[in-house]
Structures are given as structure tokens and as C-alpha cells.
Amino acid sequence: MIPYGTDSPERGRGHIVLLFASMLISPTATAALTGLLTSFGQTLPPYLETPSPLFVFGILYFLFENLLWRWPPFRWVQLVKVPDLNGCWDGEIRTNDRNFEVPYRVRLEINQTWTRIRVRLITASSGSASTSASVEVESPQGAALAYEYLSEPEPNAPERMQMHRGTTRLILSSALSIW
């Protein structure tokens, strides 16, 4: 997976929210853990007395990066605007080598976290993988996924097909139920 850019300001805000949450959770967790151990007649060793805010931030960041960013409450309060594109999408493309007249069946596989993404396009005769990407949420046409890819033909591909690099920009529609 590769890091992707976005025009949404959410990552700056998200890091600040995680930082403040970790500063609140750290002393609360220390008090709760100390109270729990005291009730059993135990104490924490000196080197484990406090889960530091940095440690808590790391745990919160890991959870947010991989899971929490998808939760609807974070979208309702506009903390997260980047759409969750994870999944397999079947469709068709038309290319300029056939004057956009012949449709090709494709499968688009997207694996995404809050800051990383992998886009793979598969056809009967080739496959491509993203090498850079961005997700636009403030575009006048609507949200868009733009990525650069490296395409590699399958052994059964027509002879005219060559390995190549290219770019794609997909406008996302709310009718696709990807939000």
C-alpha cells in the first residue's frame, strides 16, 4: 500500500483530536489501572507506572488508521470526509485505442486505510497497480480518486499491448453506495 494525498483538512484535525484524546486517556488509564491493582493488593512496577500519552497516541492512531476512520459518527461530525473505497468494483472501461467504442470488463480492487491505499485494476488481458494516488473531496464534480499506475499485460494479451504507466481519474457517485 502507498500513502495517498487528499485535499481534505481532516488529517491535521484528526491528529490534534487524537493528541488531546491521548492526553485525557493517559492519566485516566493510570488511575483506573492503579485502582484495579490496589484492589488486588498489587502495585505496578516503577517502569510501568504510567501509560505515556505518546503510547496512548500510538494505540489510538493505529486504531483510527485501520478501523475507526470508517465509523459513521466521525463522518457525521465531519472529522472524516475521505470516502471509504474498500472493496471490489466490477465495471467496464473504454479506451482510445478502439475509439472508445469497445467496452472492456474490469474489476477494480481497492484496499484503503485512513492514509494508505492500493488500487488494482484487472482485465482479461492485463493488470495494473497504483504507484501514487490522491482522493479529492472538495472537487466541484464530486469526490474523485486519481491515481498513477503501472500496467502489465498478461501472457495471453494482444501483441499490441505493452507494459506502460498511466493515470486515471474516477469521479465517485453517491449512487454507488460507497459512502
Protein backbone atom coordinates (compact mmCIF):
# COMPACT_ATOMS: atom_id res chain seq x y z
CA MET A 1 0.00 0.00 0.00
CA ILE A 2 1.12 3.54 -0.72
CA PRO A 3 0.36 6.82 1.07
CA TYR A 4 -2.24 8.95 -0.65
CA GLY A 5 -2.88 12.66 -0.62
CA THR A 6 -6.18 14.40 -0.07
CA ASP A 7 -7.50 17.93 -0.29
CA SER A 8 -9.46 17.39 2.91
CA PRO A 9 -8.06 19.14 6.01
CA GLU A 10 -9.13 16.19 8.16
CA ARG A 11 -5.70 14.71 8.75
CA GLY A 12 -4.46 17.80 10.59
CA ARG A 13 -7.63 17.96 12.69
CA GLY A 14 -7.61 14.21 13.23
CA HIS A 15 -4.08 14.23 14.61
CA ILE A 16 -4.99 17.05 17.02
CA VAL A 17 -8.10 15.18 18.21
CA LEU A 18 -6.03 12.02 18.74
CA LEU A 19 -3.38 14.00 20.63
CA PHE A 20 -5.91 15.58 23.01
CA ALA A 21 -7.69 12.25 23.48
CA SER A 22 -4.39 10.56 24.37
CA MET A 23 -3.60 13.32 26.90
CA LEU A 24 -7.01 12.72 28.55
CA ILE A 25 -6.90 8.93 28.40
CA SER A 26 -3.36 8.52 29.76
CA PRO A 27 -3.96 9.78 33.33
CA THR A 28 -7.43 8.19 33.39
CA ALA A 29 -5.98 4.83 32.37
CA THR A 30 -3.24 5.18 35.00
CA ALA A 31 -5.78 5.91 37.75
CA ALA A 32 -8.03 3.03 36.67
CA LEU A 33 -5.15 0.57 36.44
CA THR A 34 -3.70 1.65 39.78
CA GLY A 35 -7.13 1.34 41.43
CA LEU A 36 -7.71 -2.09 39.95
CA LEU A 37 -4.33 -3.41 41.04
CA THR A 38 -4.69 -1.86 44.51
CA SER A 39 -7.96 -3.74 44.98
CA PHE A 40 -5.98 -6.96 44.44
CA GLY A 41 -3.16 -5.82 46.76
CA GLN A 42 -0.77 -5.28 43.86
CA THR A 43 1.16 -2.32 42.52
CA LEU A 44 2.65 -1.51 39.17
CA PRO A 45 6.42 -1.77 38.85
CA PRO A 46 8.04 1.68 38.61
CA TYR A 47 8.87 1.28 34.92
CA LEU A 48 5.17 0.63 34.13
CA GLU A 49 3.54 3.20 36.35
CA THR A 50 2.03 5.32 33.64
CA PRO A 51 0.99 4.64 30.07
CA SER A 52 2.50 7.73 28.49
CA PRO A 53 0.39 9.99 26.27
CA LEU A 54 2.70 9.07 23.39
CA PHE A 55 1.99 5.35 23.94
CA VAL A 56 -1.75 6.02 24.08
CA PHE A 57 -1.49 8.21 20.95
CA GLY A 58 0.21 5.32 19.14
CA ILE A 59 -2.58 2.93 20.06
CA LEU A 60 -5.29 5.45 19.14
CA TYR A 61 -3.56 6.26 15.84
CA PHE A 62 -3.30 2.57 14.94
CA LEU A 63 -7.00 2.04 15.73
CA PHE A 64 -8.06 5.17 13.84
CA GLU A 65 -5.84 4.41 10.82
CA ASN A 66 -7.19 0.89 10.41
CA LEU A 67 -10.71 0.91 11.82
CA LEU A 68 -12.21 3.98 13.47
CA TRP A 69 -11.99 6.33 10.46
CA ARG A 70 -14.74 4.25 8.82
CA TRP A 71 -17.24 4.73 11.66
CA PRO A 72 -20.27 6.86 10.73
CA PRO A 73 -20.11 9.11 13.85
CA PHE A 74 -16.77 10.50 12.66
CA ARG A 75 -18.36 11.31 9.30
CA TRP A 76 -21.44 12.93 10.91
CA VAL A 77 -19.24 15.40 12.83
CA GLN A 78 -17.12 15.95 9.69
CA LEU A 79 -13.92 14.69 11.32
CA VAL A 80 -13.53 12.34 8.33
CA LYS A 81 -14.56 13.30 4.79
CA VAL A 82 -12.47 10.88 2.72
CA PRO A 83 -14.80 8.17 1.36
CA ASP A 84 -14.19 4.55 2.28
CA LEU A 85 -13.48 2.95 -1.10
CA ASN A 86 -12.52 -0.51 0.17
CA GLY A 87 -13.88 -3.34 -1.89
CA CYS A 88 -14.12 -4.91 -5.31
CA TRP A 89 -15.92 -2.98 -8.02
CA ASP A 90 -16.96 -4.53 -11.35
CA GLY A 91 -17.48 -2.36 -14.41
CA GLU A 92 -16.25 -1.53 -17.86
CA ILE A 93 -13.81 0.85 -19.46
CA ARG A 94 -13.45 2.16 -22.98
CA THR A 95 -10.06 3.15 -24.30
CA ASN A 96 -8.85 5.39 -27.09
CA ASP A 97 -7.12 2.50 -28.90
CA ARG A 98 -10.61 1.40 -30.08
CA ASN A 99 -12.13 4.92 -30.39
CA PHE A 100 -13.93 4.41 -27.07
CA GLU A 101 -16.39 2.06 -28.84
CA VAL A 102 -15.43 -1.36 -27.42
CA PRO A 103 -16.13 -1.89 -23.71
CA TYR A 104 -13.70 -3.97 -21.64
CA ARG A 105 -14.90 -5.71 -18.48
CA VAL A 106 -12.80 -4.75 -15.46
CA ARG A 107 -12.54 -5.41 -11.77
CA LEU A 108 -11.20 -2.65 -9.54
CA GLU A 109 -9.86 -3.84 -6.18
CA ILE A 110 -9.23 -1.15 -3.57
CA ASN A 111 -7.58 -1.67 -0.19
CA GLN A 112 -7.59 1.51 1.89
CA THR A 113 -6.78 2.79 5.35
CA TRP A 114 -7.08 6.40 6.52
CA THR A 115 -3.71 7.33 4.96
CA ARG A 116 -2.75 4.46 2.63
CA ILE A 117 -4.30 2.88 -0.45
CA ARG A 118 -3.71 0.22 -3.08
CA VAL A 119 -5.68 0.23 -6.32
CA ARG A 120 -5.54 -2.77 -8.62
CA LEU A 121 -7.37 -2.95 -11.96
CA ILE A 122 -7.78 -6.38 -13.53
CA THR A 123 -8.93 -7.18 -17.07
CA ALA A 124 -8.86 -10.37 -19.11
CA SER A 125 -5.60 -9.33 -20.75
CA SER A 126 -3.78 -7.13 -18.21
CA GLY A 127 -3.48 -5.94 -14.65
CA SER A 128 -2.35 -2.67 -13.18
CA ALA A 129 -1.36 -1.46 -9.73
CA SER A 130 -1.26 2.05 -8.32
CA THR A 131 2.07 3.77 -7.76
CA SER A 132 0.66 7.06 -6.39
CA ALA A 133 -2.84 8.26 -5.53
CA SER A 134 -5.00 11.06 -4.22
CA VAL A 135 -8.58 11.37 -3.05
CA GLU A 136 -10.28 14.69 -3.72
CA VAL A 137 -13.32 15.53 -1.61
CA GLU A 138 -13.66 19.23 -2.47
CA SER A 139 -13.89 18.80 -6.27
CA PRO A 140 -16.80 20.64 -7.97
CA GLN A 141 -17.74 17.40 -9.80
CA GLY A 142 -17.83 15.43 -6.55
CA ALA A 143 -15.34 13.22 -4.80
CA ALA A 144 -12.69 11.73 -7.05
CA LEU A 145 -9.97 9.09 -6.90
CA ALA A 146 -6.94 9.88 -9.04
CA TYR A 147 -4.01 7.52 -9.34
CA GLU A 148 -0.95 6.71 -11.38
CA TYR A 149 -0.50 3.06 -12.30
CA LEU A 150 1.85 0.56 -13.86
CA SER A 151 0.04 -1.76 -16.29
CA GLU A 152 1.46 -5.18 -17.13
CA PRO A 153 -0.09 -7.30 -19.89
CA GLU A 154 -0.90 -10.96 -19.26
CA PRO A 155 0.82 -13.59 -21.44
CA ASN A 156 -2.44 -14.00 -23.43
CA ALA A 157 -2.65 -10.25 -24.18
CA PRO A 158 -2.76 -8.99 -27.77
CA GLU A 159 0.70 -8.27 -29.13
CA ARG A 160 -0.03 -4.53 -29.37
CA MET A 161 -0.30 -4.31 -25.57
CA GLN A 162 2.88 -3.23 -23.83
CA MET A 163 3.82 -2.58 -20.24
CA HIS A 164 3.14 1.10 -19.59
CA ARG A 165 2.45 3.77 -17.00
CA GLY A 166 -0.71 5.85 -17.00
CA THR A 167 -3.09 7.90 -14.93
CA THR A 168 -6.76 7.55 -14.11
CA ARG A 169 -9.26 9.87 -12.50
CA LEU A 170 -12.54 8.38 -11.30
CA ILE A 171 -15.43 10.61 -10.25
CA LEU A 172 -17.24 8.92 -7.38
CA SER A 173 -21.02 8.88 -7.34
CA SER A 174 -23.09 8.66 -4.18
CA ALA A 175 -25.42 6.42 -6.22
CA LEU A 176 -22.70 3.76 -5.98
CA SER A 177 -23.30 3.44 -2.22
CA ILE A 178 -19.60 3.83 -1.45
CA TRP A 179 -20.11 6.44 1.25
